Amino acid sequence: MSSNDETGATAGGDGVSPVVLVTGAGGGIGSAIALAFARRGWRVYATDVVTPLPERVQERCETAELDVTDEEQCRAVVDRVVGEAGRLDCLVNNAGYAEAGPVEDVPVDAVRAEFEVLVHGPHALARAVLPHMRGRNRGRIVTVSSVLGLSFSPGLGAYAAGKAAVESLHDALRVELRGTGVDVALVEPAWVATDFGDAARRRLAGRERTPAYARTYAGLDDGWILDGNPLAAEPETVAGAVVRAATADDPKARYPVGRFARFVRWTHWLPAPVVDSIQAAYSRVTAAIGRWTR
């Protein structure tokens, strides 16, 4: 696949507008991704577990309800796309959310449900799209992961674990698909200016809190653990990285989004005691700033 500038159309090698399926397109990053592809002339199928999707998405995209934890529905939506469009050039796995809290305090059932969306959803969709893509000897799977897939954050251990699983799943898939014409890429933002943090806090509200983790909860409640505040990227920046991953002739395995994301990836190579100190200091300092600025 090749692309021209943002205002022009994008075409596949046969001159026909390529087709993309985007999950989690009901807001935030997902809506930005769907609209970014639409602006470039792609035929976009924007999906979300909650419908109808925002009007601005409905105006530019075809929409469908999709619960990525329902494997049968995943196959049905993929079959619909291929049946209507005759092709599926790119799958963008974007649906996701975070269960926040210290690992001890996050219920096991909540983590299972989170993994259903973060890990098993992309797996189910890969199983659904790959027979179609391999049949054409071309295709692209782009998954919105996180730098936490390569790092961690106190209070987001369960979410980081899900993203680490996504990273490993896609690394294996990328190698397994060598020579098939189907490529796999991961997009790795840090924080993004969406309602991600507020949604995580709502899920956290009302849970019993172990007093020993008061500092961790301070980072979640008052600090920048969940939303990054001034360090957060815009959804459109993430969408741009997704489009680059989808259209590059030779896509990279990973696309970190922004300088801070690249810094977090770099800290992965530091000794564990140094990383632990950085994480603890970040949580403590941003919590203090948050309390002071309220």
Protein backbone atom coordinates (compact mmCIF):
# COMPACT_ATOMS: atom_id res chain seq x y z
CA MET A 1 0.00 0.00 0.00
CA SER A 2 1.15 3.54 -0.66
CA SER A 3 -0.09 6.95 0.36
CA ASN A 4 0.13 10.57 -0.61
CA ASP A 5 -0.52 13.66 1.52
CA GLU A 6 -3.24 13.94 4.15
CA THR A 7 -5.76 15.66 1.92
CA GLY A 8 -5.49 13.23 -0.97
CA ALA A 9 -6.80 9.74 -1.48
CA THR A 10 -4.88 6.62 -0.69
CA ALA A 11 -5.05 3.69 -3.07
CA GLY A 12 -3.94 0.12 -3.03
CA GLY A 13 -1.77 -1.37 -5.74
CA ASP A 14 -4.85 -2.08 -7.87
CA GLY A 15 -6.03 1.55 -7.80
CA VAL A 16 -9.04 0.80 -5.59
CA SER A 17 -9.51 2.60 -2.29
CA PRO A 18 -8.23 0.33 0.47
CA VAL A 19 -10.42 -0.82 3.34
CA VAL A 20 -9.74 -0.59 7.07
CA LEU A 21 -11.59 -1.96 10.09
CA VAL A 22 -11.10 0.06 13.28
CA THR A 23 -12.18 -1.11 16.74
CA GLY A 24 -12.96 1.16 19.68
CA ALA A 25 -13.89 4.01 17.34
CA GLY A 26 -16.56 5.50 19.57
CA GLY A 27 -14.32 8.28 20.85
CA GLY A 28 -10.81 9.41 21.71
CA ILE A 29 -8.05 7.67 19.79
CA GLY A 30 -10.41 5.39 17.87
CA SER A 31 -12.48 8.20 16.39
CA ALA A 32 -9.30 10.07 15.45
CA ILE A 33 -7.93 6.96 13.72
CA ALA A 34 -11.14 6.33 11.76
CA LEU A 35 -11.33 9.95 10.59
CA ALA A 36 -7.62 10.05 9.69
CA PHE A 37 -8.07 7.09 7.35
CA ALA A 38 -11.27 8.57 5.90
CA ARG A 39 -9.47 11.83 5.08
CA ARG A 40 -6.93 9.85 3.10
CA GLY A 41 -9.56 8.21 0.94
CA TRP A 42 -9.84 4.87 2.70
CA ARG A 43 -13.14 3.05 3.05
CA VAL A 44 -13.47 2.92 6.82
CA TYR A 45 -15.53 0.52 8.91
CA ALA A 46 -15.59 2.11 12.36
CA THR A 47 -16.78 -0.14 15.17
CA ASP A 48 -17.41 0.05 18.89
CA VAL A 49 -19.18 -1.93 21.57
CA VAL A 50 -21.51 1.05 22.11
CA THR A 51 -23.51 2.42 19.19
CA PRO A 52 -24.39 4.71 17.55
CA LEU A 53 -20.94 6.14 17.04
CA PRO A 54 -20.34 9.93 17.10
CA GLU A 55 -22.00 11.83 14.28
CA ARG A 56 -18.67 13.03 12.88
CA VAL A 57 -17.63 9.38 12.48
CA GLN A 58 -20.95 8.32 10.98
CA GLU A 59 -20.65 11.08 8.38
CA ARG A 60 -17.31 9.79 7.06
CA CYS A 61 -17.33 6.08 7.86
CA GLU A 62 -19.46 2.98 7.74
CA THR A 63 -20.20 1.82 11.25
CA ALA A 64 -21.03 -1.38 13.09
CA GLU A 65 -21.46 -2.64 16.62
CA LEU A 66 -18.58 -4.86 17.67
CA ASP A 67 -17.81 -6.39 21.04
CA VAL A 68 -14.26 -7.64 20.56
CA THR A 69 -14.74 -10.19 23.35
CA ASP A 70 -17.37 -11.96 21.23
CA GLU A 71 -15.46 -14.15 18.76
CA GLU A 72 -18.56 -14.95 16.73
CA GLN A 73 -19.36 -11.27 16.33
CA CYS A 74 -15.75 -10.58 15.33
CA ARG A 75 -16.03 -13.08 12.50
CA ALA A 76 -19.44 -11.76 11.46
CA VAL A 77 -18.21 -8.16 11.21
CA VAL A 78 -15.10 -9.19 9.26
CA ASP A 79 -17.24 -11.26 6.90
CA ARG A 80 -19.56 -8.28 6.42
CA VAL A 81 -16.65 -6.01 5.54
CA VAL A 82 -15.19 -8.46 3.05
CA GLY A 83 -18.63 -9.21 1.61
CA GLU A 84 -19.48 -5.55 1.06
CA ALA A 85 -16.06 -4.16 0.13
CA GLY A 86 -14.56 -7.24 -1.46
CA ARG A 87 -11.37 -6.81 0.54
CA LEU A 88 -9.85 -5.89 3.90
CA ASP A 89 -6.48 -4.21 3.72
CA CYS A 90 -5.93 -3.24 7.33
CA LEU A 91 -7.19 -4.15 10.80
CA VAL A 92 -6.63 -1.56 13.53
CA ASN A 93 -7.02 -2.97 17.04
CA ASN A 94 -7.69 0.02 19.26
CA ALA A 95 -10.39 -1.05 21.73
CA GLY A 96 -9.17 -1.04 25.31
CA TYR A 97 -9.43 0.30 28.84
CA ALA A 98 -7.55 0.13 32.14
CA GLU A 99 -8.28 -1.46 35.47
CA ALA A 100 -6.32 0.75 37.84
CA GLY A 101 -5.13 0.04 41.34
CA PRO A 102 -2.37 -1.82 43.16
CA VAL A 103 -2.10 -5.40 41.95
CA GLU A 104 -3.29 -6.78 45.29
CA ASP A 105 -6.44 -4.65 45.22
CA VAL A 106 -7.58 -5.26 41.64
CA PRO A 107 -10.16 -8.10 41.54
CA VAL A 108 -9.10 -11.12 39.49
CA ASP A 109 -12.40 -11.10 37.59
CA ALA A 110 -11.81 -7.47 36.61
CA VAL A 111 -8.39 -8.33 35.22
CA ARG A 112 -9.83 -11.28 33.30
CA ALA A 113 -12.40 -8.97 31.70
CA GLU A 114 -9.69 -6.44 30.86
CA PHE A 115 -7.56 -9.14 29.21
CA GLU A 116 -10.58 -10.22 27.15
CA VAL A 117 -10.54 -6.79 25.50
CA LEU A 118 -6.81 -6.03 25.44
CA VAL A 119 -5.46 -9.46 24.46
CA HIS A 120 -8.14 -11.91 23.38
CA GLY A 121 -9.98 -9.36 21.24
CA PRO A 122 -6.99 -8.68 18.95
CA HIS A 123 -6.31 -12.41 18.86
CA ALA A 124 -9.88 -13.21 17.79
CA LEU A 125 -9.83 -10.51 15.13
CA ALA A 126 -6.46 -11.66 13.79
CA ARG A 127 -7.90 -15.15 13.41
CA ALA A 128 -10.87 -13.67 11.55
CA VAL A 129 -8.97 -11.41 9.13
CA LEU A 130 -5.90 -13.47 8.31
CA PRO A 131 -7.53 -15.99 5.95
CA HIS A 132 -8.82 -13.06 3.83
CA MET A 133 -5.49 -11.20 3.90
CA ARG A 134 -3.38 -14.26 3.10
CA GLY A 135 -5.74 -15.07 0.24
CA ARG A 136 -4.76 -11.75 -1.37
CA ASN A 137 -1.09 -11.99 -0.30
CA ARG A 138 -1.31 -8.57 1.34
CA GLY A 139 -2.64 -6.94 4.45
CA ARG A 140 -1.71 -5.10 7.60
CA ILE A 141 -2.56 -5.56 11.28
CA VAL A 142 -1.85 -2.46 13.37
CA THR A 143 -2.52 -2.62 17.10
CA VAL A 144 -2.53 0.32 19.50
CA SER A 145 -0.47 -0.93 22.40
CA SER A 146 1.33 1.21 25.01
CA VAL A 147 4.84 1.88 26.21
CA LEU A 148 3.64 0.13 29.37
CA GLY A 149 3.84 -3.06 27.35
CA LEU A 150 7.61 -2.68 27.69
CA SER A 151 7.68 -0.96 31.07
CA PHE A 152 5.34 -0.66 34.07
CA SER A 153 3.72 1.86 36.36
CA PRO A 154 2.68 1.47 40.00
CA GLY A 155 -1.11 1.39 40.04
CA LEU A 156 -1.34 0.16 36.46
CA GLY A 157 0.19 -3.29 36.81
CA ALA A 158 -2.84 -5.14 35.44
CA TYR A 159 -3.06 -2.85 32.42
CA ALA A 160 0.68 -3.09 31.76
CA ALA A 161 0.42 -6.88 31.97
CA GLY A 162 -2.28 -6.86 29.29
CA LYS A 163 -0.20 -4.65 27.01
CA ALA A 164 2.88 -6.83 27.58
CA ALA A 165 0.82 -9.82 26.45
CA VAL A 166 -0.28 -7.87 23.36
CA GLU A 167 3.34 -7.06 22.53
CA SER A 168 4.44 -10.70 22.75
CA LEU A 169 1.42 -11.92 20.78
CA HIS A 170 2.14 -9.53 17.93
CA ASP A 171 5.88 -10.15 17.95
CA ALA A 172 5.23 -13.85 17.40
CA LEU A 173 2.57 -13.13 14.76
CA ARG A 174 4.90 -10.79 12.88
CA VAL A 175 7.51 -13.52 12.45
CA GLU A 176 4.94 -16.22 11.70
CA LEU A 177 3.59 -14.11 8.83
CA ARG A 178 6.94 -13.47 7.15
CA GLY A 179 6.68 -14.10 3.44
CA THR A 180 2.86 -14.01 3.36
CA GLY A 181 2.50 -10.35 2.38
CA VAL A 182 0.78 -9.60 5.68
CA ASP A 183 2.63 -7.25 8.06
CA VAL A 184 2.15 -6.54 11.75
CA ALA A 185 2.97 -3.31 13.61
CA LEU A 186 2.47 -1.94 17.11
CA VAL A 187 1.80 1.71 17.93
CA GLU A 188 2.99 2.64 21.42
CA PRO A 189 1.80 5.93 22.95
CA ALA A 190 2.34 6.89 26.57
CA TRP A 191 -0.52 9.09 27.77
CA VAL A 192 -3.12 10.48 25.38
CA ALA A 193 -5.54 13.35 26.01
CA THR A 194 -8.77 11.31 26.18
CA ASP A 195 -11.19 10.22 28.90
CA PHE A 196 -9.03 7.12 29.57
CA GLY A 197 -7.95 8.35 33.00
CA ASP A 198 -11.39 9.50 34.11
CA ALA A 199 -12.91 6.18 33.03
CA ALA A 200 -10.26 4.28 35.00
CA ARG A 201 -10.97 6.39 38.10
CA ARG A 202 -14.69 5.66 37.80
CA ARG A 203 -13.99 1.93 37.77
CA LEU A 204 -11.68 2.37 40.73
CA ALA A 205 -14.23 4.28 42.81
CA GLY A 206 -15.83 2.31 45.62
CA ARG A 207 -13.25 -0.46 45.76
CA GLU A 208 -11.75 -1.36 49.11
CA ARG A 209 -8.29 0.14 49.43
CA THR A 210 -5.42 -1.48 51.30
CA PRO A 211 -3.84 1.26 53.48
CA ALA A 212 -0.32 0.05 52.68
CA TYR A 213 -0.75 1.44 49.14
CA ALA A 214 -1.59 5.02 50.10
CA ARG A 215 1.25 6.40 47.95
CA THR A 216 0.14 4.41 44.93
CA TYR A 217 -3.43 5.66 45.31
CA ALA A 218 -2.17 9.23 45.67
CA GLY A 219 -0.49 8.88 42.29
CA LEU A 220 -3.74 7.61 40.77
CA ASP A 221 -6.07 10.10 42.45
CA ASP A 222 -3.99 13.27 42.38
CA GLY A 223 -0.98 12.57 40.18
CA TRP A 224 -0.35 12.02 36.52
CA ILE A 225 -0.26 8.20 36.53
CA LEU A 226 -3.50 7.84 34.60
CA ASP A 227 -3.51 10.81 32.25
CA GLY A 228 -0.03 12.31 32.11
CA ASN A 229 -1.50 15.82 32.13
CA PRO A 230 1.00 18.07 30.23
CA LEU A 231 2.85 15.01 28.95
CA ALA A 232 -0.20 13.61 27.14
CA ALA A 233 -0.22 13.42 23.33
CA GLU A 234 -3.23 14.34 21.23
CA PRO A 235 -5.37 11.54 19.75
CA GLU A 236 -4.60 12.86 16.27
CA THR A 237 -0.89 12.30 16.88
CA VAL A 238 -1.53 8.65 17.67
CA ALA A 239 -3.80 8.40 14.63
CA GLY A 240 -1.00 9.73 12.45
CA ALA A 241 1.33 7.01 13.71
CA VAL A 242 -1.33 4.36 13.01
CA VAL A 243 -1.74 5.60 9.43
CA ARG A 244 2.03 5.55 8.92
CA ALA A 245 2.18 2.00 10.21
CA ALA A 246 -0.68 1.03 7.88
CA THR A 247 0.75 2.63 4.74
CA ALA A 248 4.53 2.20 5.04
CA ASP A 249 5.99 -0.03 2.34
CA ASP A 250 8.20 -1.70 4.96
CA PRO A 251 6.54 -1.06 8.34
CA LYS A 252 8.53 -0.98 11.54
CA ALA A 253 7.68 -3.41 14.29
CA ARG A 254 6.96 -0.55 16.72
CA TYR A 255 5.94 3.09 16.46
CA PRO A 256 6.46 4.94 19.76
CA VAL A 257 4.38 8.13 19.86
CA GLY A 258 6.15 11.21 21.15
CA ARG A 259 9.40 11.93 22.95
CA PHE A 260 8.15 10.78 26.33
CA ALA A 261 7.13 7.42 24.93
CA ARG A 262 10.61 7.01 23.49
CA PHE A 263 12.10 7.97 26.88
CA VAL A 264 9.98 5.36 28.68
CA ARG A 265 11.10 2.72 26.19
CA TRP A 266 14.71 3.74 26.81
CA THR A 267 14.36 3.30 30.59
CA HIS A 268 13.64 -0.37 29.94
CA TRP A 269 17.38 -0.83 29.54
CA LEU A 270 18.28 0.76 32.89
CA PRO A 271 18.94 -1.35 35.99
CA ALA A 272 15.76 -2.23 37.87
CA PRO A 273 16.62 -0.21 41.01
CA VAL A 274 17.05 2.93 38.90
CA VAL A 275 13.74 2.41 37.10
CA ASP A 276 11.99 1.71 40.40
CA SER A 277 13.31 4.99 41.81
CA ILE A 278 12.17 6.93 38.72
CA GLN A 279 8.68 5.43 38.91
CA ALA A 280 8.34 6.12 42.63
CA ALA A 281 9.55 9.69 42.25
CA TYR A 282 7.21 10.37 39.33
CA SER A 283 4.22 9.14 41.29
CA ARG A 284 5.16 11.10 44.41
CA VAL A 285 6.05 14.38 42.69
CA THR A 286 3.04 14.49 40.36
CA ALA A 287 0.69 13.67 43.24
CA ALA A 288 2.12 16.61 45.16
CA ILE A 289 1.71 18.90 42.13
CA GLY A 290 -1.85 17.67 41.64
CA ARG A 291 -2.81 18.43 45.24
CA TRP A 292 -1.14 21.82 45.12
CA THR A 293 -2.85 22.90 41.87
CA ARG A 294 -6.36 21.78 42.77
